[in-house]
């Protein structure tokens, strides 16, 4: 079995969008990109441009965009709960 580092290029492993990435959406502090790997579309969501917070794979750009929209809806709701003081911390006192 080939090691992952031999299958993917350095650009695909460095965790930052390259010039080959397509901007899908910007929502608040989140930015989402997709890249066509030939066999799937890899989508990535970054917080404040440099921190990868979620990624995944989809069969098409349309399904990648749909997946990103679902994840960003969750992140947006979580951020709103944090701002309102009803955070998602499940720890008990």
Protein backbone atom coordinates (compact mmCIF):
# COMPACT_ATOMS: atom_id res chain seq x y z
CA UNK A 1 0.00 0.00 0.00
CA UNK A 2 1.36 3.42 -0.95
CA UNK A 3 1.91 5.90 1.81
CA UNK A 4 -0.37 8.95 1.72
CA UNK A 5 2.57 11.33 1.31
CA UNK A 6 3.38 9.67 -2.02
CA UNK A 7 -0.20 9.83 -3.29
CA UNK A 8 -0.90 13.48 -2.45
CA UNK A 9 1.26 16.41 -3.47
CA UNK A 10 2.90 18.77 -0.97
CA UNK A 11 0.27 21.43 -1.76
CA UNK A 12 -2.52 19.04 -0.80
CA UNK A 13 -0.82 18.20 2.50
CA UNK A 14 0.25 21.65 3.74
CA UNK A 15 -3.20 22.66 5.06
CA UNK A 16 -3.53 25.96 3.23
CA UNK A 17 -5.57 26.79 0.12
CA UNK A 18 -3.55 26.98 -3.08
CA UNK A 19 -4.23 28.78 -6.34
CA UNK A 20 -6.00 25.59 -7.51
CA UNK A 21 -8.65 25.89 -4.78
CA UNK A 22 -12.02 27.40 -5.66
CA UNK A 23 -13.65 29.74 -3.16
CA UNK A 24 -17.05 28.30 -2.27
CA UNK A 25 -18.31 30.57 0.49
CA UNK A 26 -17.37 33.17 3.09
CA UNK A 27 -19.51 33.31 6.22
CA UNK A 28 -18.36 35.47 9.12
CA UNK A 29 -14.96 34.24 10.22
CA UNK A 30 -15.16 31.09 8.06
CA UNK A 31 -13.96 30.64 4.49
CA UNK A 32 -14.63 27.50 2.45
CA UNK A 33 -12.70 26.22 -0.55
CA UNK A 34 -12.85 23.17 -2.81
CA UNK A 35 -10.28 21.50 -5.03
CA UNK A 36 -10.84 18.92 -7.76
CA UNK A 37 -8.59 15.93 -7.10
CA UNK A 38 -9.80 14.11 -10.20
CA UNK A 39 -11.62 11.39 -8.29
CA UNK A 40 -13.45 13.63 -5.79
CA UNK A 41 -13.82 17.23 -4.70
CA UNK A 42 -12.06 17.91 -1.43
CA UNK A 43 -13.66 20.77 0.51
CA UNK A 44 -12.02 22.65 3.35
CA UNK A 45 -13.33 25.20 5.83
CA UNK A 46 -10.88 27.60 7.44
CA UNK A 47 -11.41 29.86 10.41
CA UNK A 48 -9.80 33.27 10.04
CA UNK A 49 -8.02 32.17 6.82
CA UNK A 50 -5.34 29.94 8.35
CA UNK A 51 -6.86 27.38 10.71
CA UNK A 52 -8.39 24.32 9.04
CA UNK A 53 -11.47 23.43 11.10
CA UNK A 54 -13.29 20.93 8.86
CA UNK A 55 -12.72 19.11 5.60
CA UNK A 56 -14.36 16.38 3.61
CA UNK A 57 -14.81 14.80 0.23
CA UNK A 58 -17.71 14.97 -2.22
CA UNK A 59 -18.40 13.44 -5.60
CA UNK A 60 -19.15 16.79 -7.30
CA UNK A 61 -18.70 20.51 -6.75
CA UNK A 62 -22.45 20.83 -6.18
CA UNK A 63 -22.41 18.24 -3.40
CA UNK A 64 -19.26 19.83 -1.92
CA UNK A 65 -21.06 23.18 -1.81
CA UNK A 66 -24.07 21.56 -0.15
CA UNK A 67 -21.87 19.87 2.46
CA UNK A 68 -20.08 23.14 3.20
CA UNK A 69 -23.41 24.92 3.62
CA UNK A 70 -24.55 22.32 6.17
CA UNK A 71 -21.31 22.51 8.16
CA UNK A 72 -21.29 26.31 8.11
CA UNK A 73 -24.91 26.37 9.31
CA UNK A 74 -23.84 24.29 12.31
CA UNK A 75 -20.77 26.46 13.00
CA UNK A 76 -22.85 29.63 12.67
CA UNK A 77 -25.48 28.35 15.12
CA UNK A 78 -22.74 27.28 17.55
CA UNK A 79 -21.10 30.70 17.30
CA UNK A 80 -24.45 32.41 17.95
CA UNK A 81 -25.03 30.23 21.03
CA UNK A 82 -21.57 31.14 22.33
CA UNK A 83 -22.22 34.86 21.80
CA UNK A 84 -25.60 34.59 23.58
CA UNK A 85 -24.09 32.75 26.53
CA UNK A 86 -25.70 29.40 25.80
CA UNK A 87 -22.48 27.73 24.62
CA UNK A 88 -22.15 24.10 23.72
CA UNK A 89 -19.98 23.25 26.73
CA UNK A 90 -21.57 20.16 28.26
CA UNK A 91 -19.40 20.14 31.37
CA UNK A 92 -21.27 20.32 34.64
CA UNK A 93 -20.19 22.24 37.67
